[in-house]
Amino acid sequence: PITFVIRTLSTLPTKPLSAMKPGTPIAGLDFLKNVDPPVSKGRSEYPEWIADLAKPMATLAKLRKMNIQEAEGKDQMRYLKLLRRRYIKEKNSDAGMR
């Protein structure tokens, strides 16, 4: 028998994000030949929006609780994207059962 382990976001291990020390080579970006690998910079050298990339995005359940007309534009777009994705998945699963 096959068993599956389903984990929700609350049960996944969380590892706090930490910044690299300035001057640390960035793994995976050293693909160019005859060029030094890129290294990380100090936090002050990056634009402010970079910190937003580490924040978790709103879930469909959270967005449904919001008044979508009063939400910010990015939350409205995310809500529509997640609704479309869910609709497509439902249609695909219905087509597979035929």
Protein backbone atom coordinates (compact mmCIF):
# COMPACT_ATOMS: atom_id res chain seq x y z
CA PRO A 1 0.00 0.00 0.00
CA ILE A 2 1.07 3.54 -0.78
CA THR A 3 0.81 6.13 1.96
CA PHE A 4 1.03 9.88 1.56
CA VAL A 5 2.07 12.45 4.09
CA ILE A 6 0.26 15.72 3.62
CA ARG A 7 1.78 18.73 5.29
CA THR A 8 0.17 22.09 5.66
CA LEU A 9 2.17 25.28 5.82
CA SER A 10 1.81 25.32 9.59
CA THR A 11 3.46 21.89 9.95
CA LEU A 12 6.40 22.55 7.65
CA PRO A 13 9.65 23.31 9.42
CA THR A 14 10.37 27.01 9.32
CA LYS A 15 13.90 28.21 9.00
CA PRO A 16 14.42 31.89 9.67
CA LEU A 17 15.79 33.78 6.71
CA SER A 18 19.18 35.25 7.32
CA ALA A 19 21.27 37.53 5.20
CA MET A 20 24.57 36.41 3.77
CA LYS A 21 27.64 38.17 4.99
CA PRO A 22 28.85 40.75 2.45
CA GLY A 23 31.45 39.20 0.17
CA THR A 24 30.00 35.65 0.32
CA PRO A 25 30.01 33.96 -3.12
CA ILE A 26 26.44 33.24 -4.28
CA ALA A 27 26.01 29.57 -5.15
CA GLY A 28 24.42 28.78 -8.50
CA LEU A 29 25.33 32.07 -10.12
CA ASP A 30 28.91 31.16 -10.95
CA PHE A 31 28.19 29.76 -14.39
CA LEU A 32 30.33 32.13 -16.46
CA LYS A 33 33.81 30.98 -17.41
CA ASN A 34 36.85 33.13 -16.71
CA VAL A 35 34.79 35.45 -14.47
CA ASP A 36 34.83 35.69 -10.70
CA PRO A 37 31.62 34.38 -9.07
CA PRO A 38 29.19 37.08 -7.93
CA VAL A 39 29.32 37.91 -4.24
CA SER A 40 26.66 39.24 -1.90
CA LYS A 41 26.59 42.90 -0.94
CA GLY A 42 25.63 44.66 2.26
CA ARG A 43 21.89 45.19 2.91
CA SER A 44 22.18 48.92 2.33
CA GLU A 45 23.34 48.30 -1.26
CA TYR A 46 20.10 46.53 -2.30
CA PRO A 47 16.81 48.29 -3.15
CA GLU A 48 14.09 48.29 -0.46
CA TRP A 49 11.72 46.04 -2.44
CA ILE A 50 14.16 43.11 -2.19
CA ALA A 51 13.05 42.55 1.43
CA ASP A 52 9.44 42.09 0.18
CA LEU A 53 10.46 38.96 -1.75
CA ALA A 54 10.96 37.03 1.50
CA LYS A 55 7.45 37.80 2.81
CA PRO A 56 4.85 35.07 2.25
CA MET A 57 2.13 35.85 -0.28
CA ALA A 58 -1.53 36.01 0.75
CA THR A 59 -3.46 32.74 0.43
CA LEU A 60 -6.81 32.39 -1.28
CA ALA A 61 -8.48 31.79 2.09
CA LYS A 62 -7.03 35.01 3.48
CA LEU A 63 -7.98 36.97 0.36
CA ARG A 64 -11.54 35.67 0.52
CA LYS A 65 -11.89 37.16 4.00
CA MET A 66 -10.92 40.60 2.68
CA ASN A 67 -13.25 43.07 1.06
CA ILE A 68 -11.71 42.68 -2.38
CA GLN A 69 -12.98 46.07 -3.62
CA GLU A 70 -11.05 47.81 -0.83
CA ALA A 71 -7.91 45.68 -1.18
CA GLU A 72 -4.71 46.92 -2.77
CA GLY A 73 -4.16 46.31 -6.47
CA LYS A 74 -1.58 43.55 -5.90
CA ASP A 75 -3.99 41.69 -3.58
CA GLN A 76 -6.79 42.00 -6.13
CA MET A 77 -4.55 40.61 -8.86
CA ARG A 78 -3.41 37.74 -6.63
CA TYR A 79 -7.03 36.93 -5.74
CA LEU A 80 -8.02 36.75 -9.41
CA LYS A 81 -4.94 34.68 -10.26
CA LEU A 82 -5.67 32.14 -7.51
CA LEU A 83 -9.36 31.93 -8.52
CA ARG A 84 -8.39 31.26 -12.15
CA ARG A 85 -5.85 28.65 -11.08
CA ARG A 86 -8.42 26.87 -8.92
CA TYR A 87 -11.03 26.97 -11.71
CA ILE A 88 -8.55 25.46 -14.19
CA LYS A 89 -7.58 22.69 -11.75
CA GLU A 90 -11.23 21.83 -11.16
CA LYS A 91 -11.95 21.74 -14.91
CA ASN A 92 -8.89 19.54 -15.50
CA SER A 93 -9.88 17.11 -12.77
CA ASP A 94 -13.44 16.95 -14.13
CA ALA A 95 -12.12 16.23 -17.62
CA GLY A 96 -9.92 13.45 -16.25
CA MET A 97 -12.90 11.67 -14.69
CA ARG A 98 -14.75 11.30 -17.97
